[in-house]
N, C-alpha and C. Protein backbone atom coordinates (compact mmCIF):
# COMPACT_ATOMS: atom_id res chain seq x y z
N UNK A 1 16.90 98.97 73.16
CA UNK A 1 16.10 98.31 74.15
C UNK A 1 15.43 99.39 75.00
N UNK A 2 14.17 99.14 75.33
CA UNK A 2 13.38 100.13 76.04
C UNK A 2 12.76 99.51 77.29
N UNK A 3 12.92 100.16 78.43
CA UNK A 3 12.28 99.70 79.65
C UNK A 3 10.82 100.16 79.63
N UNK A 4 9.91 99.23 79.96
CA UNK A 4 8.48 99.53 79.95
C UNK A 4 7.83 99.00 81.22
N UNK A 5 6.62 99.44 81.45
CA UNK A 5 5.80 98.94 82.55
C UNK A 5 4.82 97.91 82.00
N UNK A 6 4.33 97.05 82.86
CA UNK A 6 3.40 96.00 82.44
C UNK A 6 2.18 96.59 81.75
N UNK A 7 1.67 97.71 82.25
CA UNK A 7 0.47 98.31 81.64
C UNK A 7 0.73 98.93 80.27
N UNK A 8 1.99 98.97 79.84
CA UNK A 8 2.32 99.47 78.50
C UNK A 8 2.33 98.36 77.46
N UNK A 9 2.26 97.12 77.92
CA UNK A 9 2.22 95.99 76.99
C UNK A 9 0.81 95.79 76.47
N UNK A 10 0.71 95.23 75.27
CA UNK A 10 -0.60 94.89 74.71
C UNK A 10 -1.17 93.69 75.46
N UNK A 11 -2.45 93.46 75.29
CA UNK A 11 -3.10 92.31 75.93
C UNK A 11 -2.41 91.01 75.50
N UNK A 12 -2.08 90.91 74.22
CA UNK A 12 -1.44 89.68 73.72
C UNK A 12 -0.04 89.53 74.30
N UNK A 13 0.69 90.63 74.46
CA UNK A 13 2.03 90.56 75.05
C UNK A 13 1.94 90.10 76.51
N UNK A 14 0.94 90.57 77.23
CA UNK A 14 0.75 90.14 78.61
C UNK A 14 0.43 88.65 78.66
N UNK A 15 -0.36 88.17 77.71
CA UNK A 15 -0.64 86.73 77.62
C UNK A 15 0.64 85.94 77.36
N UNK A 16 1.51 86.48 76.51
CA UNK A 16 2.80 85.83 76.24
C UNK A 16 3.65 85.78 77.51
N UNK A 17 3.72 86.89 78.22
CA UNK A 17 4.50 86.94 79.47
C UNK A 17 3.94 85.93 80.47
N UNK A 18 2.63 85.91 80.63
CA UNK A 18 2.02 84.95 81.56
C UNK A 18 2.32 83.51 81.17
N UNK A 19 2.27 83.22 79.87
CA UNK A 19 2.57 81.86 79.39
C UNK A 19 4.03 81.51 79.64
N UNK A 20 4.93 82.47 79.47
CA UNK A 20 6.36 82.23 79.72
C UNK A 20 6.63 82.02 81.21
N UNK A 21 5.95 82.78 82.06
CA UNK A 21 6.08 82.60 83.51
C UNK A 21 5.63 81.20 83.90
N UNK A 22 4.51 80.77 83.33
CA UNK A 22 3.99 79.43 83.61
C UNK A 22 4.95 78.35 83.12
N UNK A 23 5.50 78.52 81.92
CA UNK A 23 6.44 77.54 81.36
C UNK A 23 7.70 77.45 82.21
N UNK A 24 8.15 78.58 82.73
CA UNK A 24 9.38 78.62 83.55
C UNK A 24 9.27 77.71 84.77
N UNK A 25 8.05 77.53 85.28
CA UNK A 25 7.85 76.68 86.45
C UNK A 25 8.27 75.24 86.18
N UNK A 26 8.30 74.82 84.92
CA UNK A 26 8.69 73.46 84.55
C UNK A 26 10.15 73.33 84.16
N UNK A 27 10.91 74.42 84.25
CA UNK A 27 12.33 74.37 83.88
C UNK A 27 13.07 73.36 84.74
N UNK A 28 14.02 72.69 84.10
CA UNK A 28 14.88 71.73 84.79
C UNK A 28 16.28 72.31 84.78
N UNK A 29 16.68 72.90 85.91
CA UNK A 29 17.97 73.58 85.98
C UNK A 29 18.67 73.26 87.31
N UNK A 30 18.94 71.96 87.57
CA UNK A 30 19.54 71.60 88.85
C UNK A 30 21.00 72.01 89.00
N UNK A 31 21.67 72.33 87.92
CA UNK A 31 23.10 72.64 87.96
C UNK A 31 23.35 74.14 88.04
N UNK A 32 22.63 74.92 87.29
CA UNK A 32 22.83 76.37 87.30
C UNK A 32 21.79 77.09 88.16
N UNK A 33 20.65 76.46 88.40
CA UNK A 33 19.51 77.11 89.06
C UNK A 33 19.05 78.34 88.28
N UNK A 34 19.32 78.37 87.00
CA UNK A 34 18.97 79.50 86.12
C UNK A 34 17.77 79.07 85.28
N UNK A 35 16.58 79.26 85.83
CA UNK A 35 15.36 78.81 85.16
C UNK A 35 14.85 79.89 84.20
N UNK A 36 14.49 79.43 82.99
CA UNK A 36 14.03 80.34 81.95
C UNK A 36 12.74 79.79 81.36
N UNK A 37 11.80 80.70 81.10
CA UNK A 37 10.58 80.34 80.39
C UNK A 37 10.45 81.23 79.17
N UNK A 38 9.86 80.68 78.12
CA UNK A 38 9.67 81.46 76.89
C UNK A 38 8.32 81.12 76.29
N UNK A 39 7.76 82.09 75.61
CA UNK A 39 6.52 81.88 74.88
C UNK A 39 6.62 82.64 73.56
N UNK A 40 6.31 81.95 72.47
CA UNK A 40 6.35 82.59 71.14
C UNK A 40 4.95 82.71 70.59
N UNK A 41 4.75 83.76 69.85
CA UNK A 41 3.50 84.00 69.14
C UNK A 41 3.77 83.77 67.66
N UNK A 42 3.03 82.84 67.06
CA UNK A 42 3.27 82.55 65.65
C UNK A 42 2.41 83.43 64.75
N UNK A 43 2.62 83.30 63.45
CA UNK A 43 1.91 84.14 62.48
C UNK A 43 0.41 83.90 62.46
N UNK A 44 -0.04 82.79 63.04
CA UNK A 44 -1.47 82.49 63.11
C UNK A 44 -2.05 82.88 64.46
N UNK A 45 -1.27 83.59 65.26
CA UNK A 45 -1.66 84.12 66.57
C UNK A 45 -1.79 83.04 67.64
N UNK A 46 -1.08 81.93 67.47
CA UNK A 46 -1.04 80.87 68.48
C UNK A 46 0.18 81.05 69.36
N UNK A 47 0.05 80.67 70.63
CA UNK A 47 1.15 80.75 71.58
C UNK A 47 1.73 79.35 71.79
N UNK A 48 3.07 79.28 71.78
CA UNK A 48 3.81 78.04 72.03
C UNK A 48 4.83 78.34 73.12
N UNK A 49 5.01 77.41 74.05
CA UNK A 49 5.88 77.69 75.19
C UNK A 49 7.06 76.72 75.26
N UNK A 50 8.04 77.13 76.04
CA UNK A 50 9.20 76.28 76.29
C UNK A 50 9.89 76.70 77.57
N UNK A 51 10.66 75.80 78.13
CA UNK A 51 11.49 76.10 79.29
C UNK A 51 12.85 75.47 79.06
N UNK A 52 13.84 75.93 79.80
CA UNK A 52 15.16 75.34 79.63
C UNK A 52 15.23 73.99 80.33
N UNK A 53 16.00 73.10 79.74
CA UNK A 53 16.18 71.74 80.26
C UNK A 53 17.68 71.46 80.23
N UNK A 54 18.30 71.44 81.41
CA UNK A 54 19.74 71.29 81.49
C UNK A 54 20.19 69.83 81.43
N UNK A 55 21.43 69.68 81.05
CA UNK A 55 22.13 68.41 81.10
C UNK A 55 23.40 68.66 81.92
N UNK A 56 23.86 67.65 82.61
CA UNK A 56 25.02 67.82 83.48
C UNK A 56 26.24 68.33 82.72
N UNK A 57 26.37 68.01 81.44
CA UNK A 57 27.53 68.49 80.68
C UNK A 57 27.25 69.79 79.93
N UNK A 58 26.05 70.33 80.07
CA UNK A 58 25.60 71.59 79.47
C UNK A 58 25.50 71.56 77.94
N UNK A 59 26.27 70.72 77.25
CA UNK A 59 26.19 70.71 75.79
C UNK A 59 24.84 70.20 75.29
N UNK A 60 24.16 69.43 76.09
CA UNK A 60 22.85 68.90 75.70
C UNK A 60 21.70 69.75 76.24
N UNK A 61 22.01 70.86 76.85
CA UNK A 61 21.00 71.74 77.42
C UNK A 61 20.14 72.34 76.32
N UNK A 62 18.84 72.35 76.56
CA UNK A 62 17.89 72.97 75.64
C UNK A 62 17.50 74.34 76.20
N UNK A 63 17.57 75.35 75.38
CA UNK A 63 17.22 76.70 75.80
C UNK A 63 15.71 76.89 75.66
N UNK A 64 15.12 77.65 76.56
CA UNK A 64 13.67 77.85 76.58
C UNK A 64 13.15 78.40 75.25
N UNK A 65 13.88 79.36 74.69
CA UNK A 65 13.45 79.96 73.43
C UNK A 65 13.44 78.93 72.31
N UNK A 66 14.47 78.09 72.28
CA UNK A 66 14.55 77.05 71.25
C UNK A 66 13.43 76.03 71.41
N UNK A 67 13.14 75.65 72.65
CA UNK A 67 12.07 74.69 72.90
C UNK A 67 10.73 75.25 72.45
N UNK A 68 10.49 76.54 72.72
CA UNK A 68 9.23 77.17 72.29
C UNK A 68 9.14 77.24 70.76
N UNK A 69 10.25 77.58 70.11
CA UNK A 69 10.26 77.63 68.64
C UNK A 69 10.06 76.23 68.07
N UNK A 70 10.70 75.24 68.67
CA UNK A 70 10.51 73.85 68.23
C UNK A 70 9.04 73.44 68.35
N UNK A 71 8.39 73.84 69.43
CA UNK A 71 6.96 73.53 69.62
C UNK A 71 6.12 74.19 68.52
N UNK A 72 6.49 75.42 68.15
CA UNK A 72 5.79 76.13 67.08
C UNK A 72 5.94 75.37 65.76
N UNK A 73 7.17 74.98 65.45
CA UNK A 73 7.44 74.27 64.20
C UNK A 73 6.72 72.92 64.21
N UNK A 74 6.75 72.24 65.35
CA UNK A 74 6.08 70.94 65.46
C UNK A 74 4.57 71.07 65.19
N UNK A 75 4.01 72.23 65.51
CA UNK A 75 2.57 72.44 65.27
C UNK A 75 2.26 72.77 63.81
N UNK A 76 3.30 72.97 63.01
CA UNK A 76 3.10 73.23 61.59
C UNK A 76 3.32 74.66 61.16
N UNK A 77 3.68 75.52 62.10
CA UNK A 77 3.92 76.92 61.76
C UNK A 77 5.42 77.17 61.64
N UNK A 78 5.81 78.03 60.72
CA UNK A 78 7.23 78.29 60.49
C UNK A 78 7.64 79.75 60.66
N UNK A 79 6.73 80.59 61.18
CA UNK A 79 7.06 82.01 61.27
C UNK A 79 6.60 82.59 62.60
N UNK A 80 7.58 83.00 63.42
CA UNK A 80 7.23 83.62 64.69
C UNK A 80 7.19 85.13 64.55
N UNK A 81 6.29 85.75 65.30
CA UNK A 81 6.12 87.20 65.27
C UNK A 81 6.67 87.87 66.53
N UNK A 82 6.51 87.18 67.65
CA UNK A 82 6.87 87.80 68.92
C UNK A 82 7.27 86.72 69.91
N UNK A 83 8.12 87.11 70.86
CA UNK A 83 8.55 86.17 71.90
C UNK A 83 8.67 86.91 73.22
N UNK A 84 8.31 86.22 74.30
CA UNK A 84 8.53 86.72 75.66
C UNK A 84 9.46 85.75 76.36
N UNK A 85 10.44 86.30 77.06
CA UNK A 85 11.43 85.51 77.79
C UNK A 85 11.40 85.97 79.24
N UNK A 86 11.30 85.01 80.16
CA UNK A 86 11.19 85.33 81.57
C UNK A 86 12.26 84.58 82.35
N UNK A 87 12.98 85.30 83.20
CA UNK A 87 13.98 84.69 84.05
C UNK A 87 14.29 85.60 85.23
N UNK A 88 15.02 85.07 86.18
CA UNK A 88 15.47 85.85 87.32
C UNK A 88 16.94 86.17 87.07
N UNK A 89 17.24 87.46 86.90
CA UNK A 89 18.60 87.84 86.55
C UNK A 89 18.91 89.24 87.05
N UNK A 90 20.18 89.51 87.24
CA UNK A 90 20.59 90.87 87.60
C UNK A 90 20.94 91.67 86.34
N UNK A 91 20.96 91.00 85.20
CA UNK A 91 21.26 91.65 83.92
C UNK A 91 20.01 91.62 83.04
N UNK A 92 20.12 92.09 81.83
CA UNK A 92 19.01 92.02 80.90
C UNK A 92 18.66 90.56 80.62
N UNK A 93 17.40 90.29 80.44
CA UNK A 93 16.94 88.92 80.17
C UNK A 93 16.79 88.70 78.67
N UNK A 94 17.83 88.98 77.94
CA UNK A 94 17.78 88.84 76.48
C UNK A 94 18.20 87.43 76.05
N UNK A 95 17.73 87.00 74.90
CA UNK A 95 18.14 85.67 74.41
C UNK A 95 19.61 85.65 74.01
N UNK A 96 20.22 84.48 74.16
CA UNK A 96 21.62 84.32 73.78
C UNK A 96 21.76 84.34 72.26
N UNK A 97 22.98 84.33 71.79
CA UNK A 97 23.25 84.37 70.35
C UNK A 97 22.68 83.18 69.59
N UNK A 98 22.76 81.99 70.18
CA UNK A 98 22.20 80.80 69.52
C UNK A 98 20.70 80.95 69.32
N UNK A 99 20.02 81.43 70.36
CA UNK A 99 18.56 81.59 70.27
C UNK A 99 18.19 82.70 69.29
N UNK A 100 18.99 83.75 69.25
CA UNK A 100 18.74 84.83 68.28
C UNK A 100 18.83 84.28 66.86
N UNK A 101 19.84 83.45 66.61
CA UNK A 101 20.00 82.88 65.27
C UNK A 101 18.83 81.97 64.93
N UNK A 102 18.35 81.20 65.89
CA UNK A 102 17.20 80.33 65.62
C UNK A 102 15.96 81.17 65.31
N UNK A 103 15.82 82.30 65.99
CA UNK A 103 14.69 83.20 65.70
C UNK A 103 14.77 83.72 64.26
N UNK A 104 15.98 84.01 63.81
CA UNK A 104 16.16 84.46 62.42
C UNK A 104 15.68 83.37 61.46
N UNK A 105 16.03 82.14 61.76
CA UNK A 105 15.68 81.01 60.89
C UNK A 105 14.17 80.86 60.72
N UNK A 106 13.42 81.17 61.78
CA UNK A 106 11.97 80.95 61.75
C UNK A 106 11.19 82.25 61.87
N UNK A 107 11.66 83.26 61.14
CA UNK A 107 10.94 84.54 61.10
C UNK A 107 11.37 85.31 59.85
N UNK A 108 10.70 86.40 59.65
CA UNK A 108 11.11 87.29 58.56
C UNK A 108 12.11 88.33 59.08
N UNK A 109 12.56 88.14 60.31
CA UNK A 109 13.52 89.05 60.93
C UNK A 109 12.87 90.14 61.74
N UNK A 110 11.57 90.32 61.56
CA UNK A 110 10.84 91.38 62.24
C UNK A 110 10.13 90.80 63.47
N UNK A 111 10.91 90.44 64.50
CA UNK A 111 10.37 89.81 65.70
C UNK A 111 10.46 90.78 66.88
N UNK A 112 9.35 90.97 67.55
CA UNK A 112 9.33 91.77 68.78
C UNK A 112 9.70 90.86 69.94
N UNK A 113 10.49 91.39 70.87
CA UNK A 113 10.96 90.60 72.00
C UNK A 113 10.61 91.32 73.30
N UNK A 114 9.96 90.61 74.20
CA UNK A 114 9.64 91.13 75.53
C UNK A 114 10.51 90.36 76.52
N UNK A 115 11.36 91.07 77.24
CA UNK A 115 12.30 90.47 78.18
C UNK A 115 11.87 90.83 79.60
N UNK A 116 11.65 89.82 80.43
CA UNK A 116 11.13 90.03 81.78
C UNK A 116 12.11 89.49 82.81
N UNK A 117 12.48 90.34 83.76
CA UNK A 117 13.29 89.93 84.91
C UNK A 117 12.37 89.78 86.11
N UNK A 118 12.52 88.68 86.82
CA UNK A 118 11.75 88.44 88.04
C UNK A 118 12.60 88.78 89.27
N UNK A 119 11.92 89.11 90.36
CA UNK A 119 12.64 89.38 91.61
C UNK A 119 12.76 88.08 92.42
N UNK A 120 13.28 88.18 93.61
CA UNK A 120 13.51 86.99 94.44
C UNK A 120 12.21 86.30 94.86
N UNK A 121 11.10 86.99 94.76
CA UNK A 121 9.80 86.40 95.09
C UNK A 121 9.03 85.94 93.85
N UNK A 122 9.74 85.88 92.72
CA UNK A 122 9.15 85.43 91.45
C UNK A 122 8.11 86.40 90.89
N UNK A 123 8.17 87.65 91.29
CA UNK A 123 7.28 88.70 90.77
C UNK A 123 8.04 89.49 89.70
N UNK A 124 7.30 90.10 88.80
CA UNK A 124 7.94 90.89 87.75
C UNK A 124 8.66 92.08 88.37
N UNK A 125 9.96 92.16 88.09
CA UNK A 125 10.80 93.25 88.60
C UNK A 125 10.94 94.34 87.54
N UNK A 126 11.24 93.93 86.30
CA UNK A 126 11.39 94.90 85.22
C UNK A 126 11.13 94.23 83.88
N UNK A 127 10.70 95.05 82.94
CA UNK A 127 10.36 94.57 81.60
C UNK A 127 11.08 95.45 80.58
N UNK A 128 11.65 94.80 79.59
CA UNK A 128 12.29 95.52 78.48
C UNK A 128 11.70 95.01 77.18
N UNK A 129 11.56 95.89 76.22
CA UNK A 129 11.14 95.47 74.89
C UNK A 129 12.25 95.83 73.90
N UNK A 130 12.39 94.98 72.91
CA UNK A 130 13.39 95.19 71.88
C UNK A 130 12.94 94.45 70.63
N UNK A 131 13.82 94.34 69.68
CA UNK A 131 13.50 93.59 68.45
C UNK A 131 14.69 92.70 68.10
N UNK A 132 14.41 91.69 67.32
CA UNK A 132 15.47 90.79 66.87
C UNK A 132 16.49 91.56 66.05
N UNK A 133 16.04 92.46 65.20
CA UNK A 133 16.98 93.21 64.36
C UNK A 133 17.88 94.12 65.19
N UNK A 134 17.40 94.58 66.35
CA UNK A 134 18.24 95.38 67.23
C UNK A 134 19.29 94.51 67.92
N UNK A 135 18.90 93.30 68.33
CA UNK A 135 19.83 92.41 69.02
C UNK A 135 20.78 91.67 68.09
N UNK A 136 20.36 91.49 66.84
CA UNK A 136 21.18 90.76 65.87
C UNK A 136 21.10 91.48 64.51
N UNK A 137 21.76 92.64 64.41
CA UNK A 137 21.60 93.47 63.21
C UNK A 137 22.18 92.86 61.93
N UNK A 138 23.17 92.02 62.04
CA UNK A 138 23.79 91.43 60.86
C UNK A 138 23.62 89.92 60.91
N UNK A 139 22.38 89.50 60.94
CA UNK A 139 22.07 88.08 61.08
C UNK A 139 22.61 87.24 59.92
N UNK A 140 23.01 86.04 60.24
CA UNK A 140 23.45 85.08 59.24
C UNK A 140 22.22 84.45 58.61
N UNK A 141 22.00 84.71 57.33
CA UNK A 141 20.84 84.12 56.65
C UNK A 141 21.13 83.97 55.17
N UNK A 142 20.35 83.12 54.57
CA UNK A 142 20.50 82.90 53.15
C UNK A 142 19.94 84.08 52.38
N UNK A 143 20.64 84.48 51.35
CA UNK A 143 20.19 85.62 50.54
C UNK A 143 19.13 85.21 49.54
């Protein structure tokens, strides 16, 4: 994982980050107050967004990354190239294991990930870039 500045991102990556920030505004997180936004770039260069949607028992909670991937699949595309994830956290803003596995399912494994932490004023505090293969080196997939 590599820490980067906003001006080091490509124009398309900045568009992904902006879309994820916008999607995060619609997050429904009354129990954890942990709002997450995600935006995926598909193989046809389209952006699809998602936000987390909590349930009181948490088992029905939808993760922002999964919602964005579902939106991509619903549009007819089955291969994501890149994803941006935005949240307010004191730790890295990386996708959880479930979301990593879903990314494997709908990619060739070569997915770039932009992780954005926001500060208390909802401004970008820090940005990290990584890849799906770095976060999930031994992914479960069909041979």
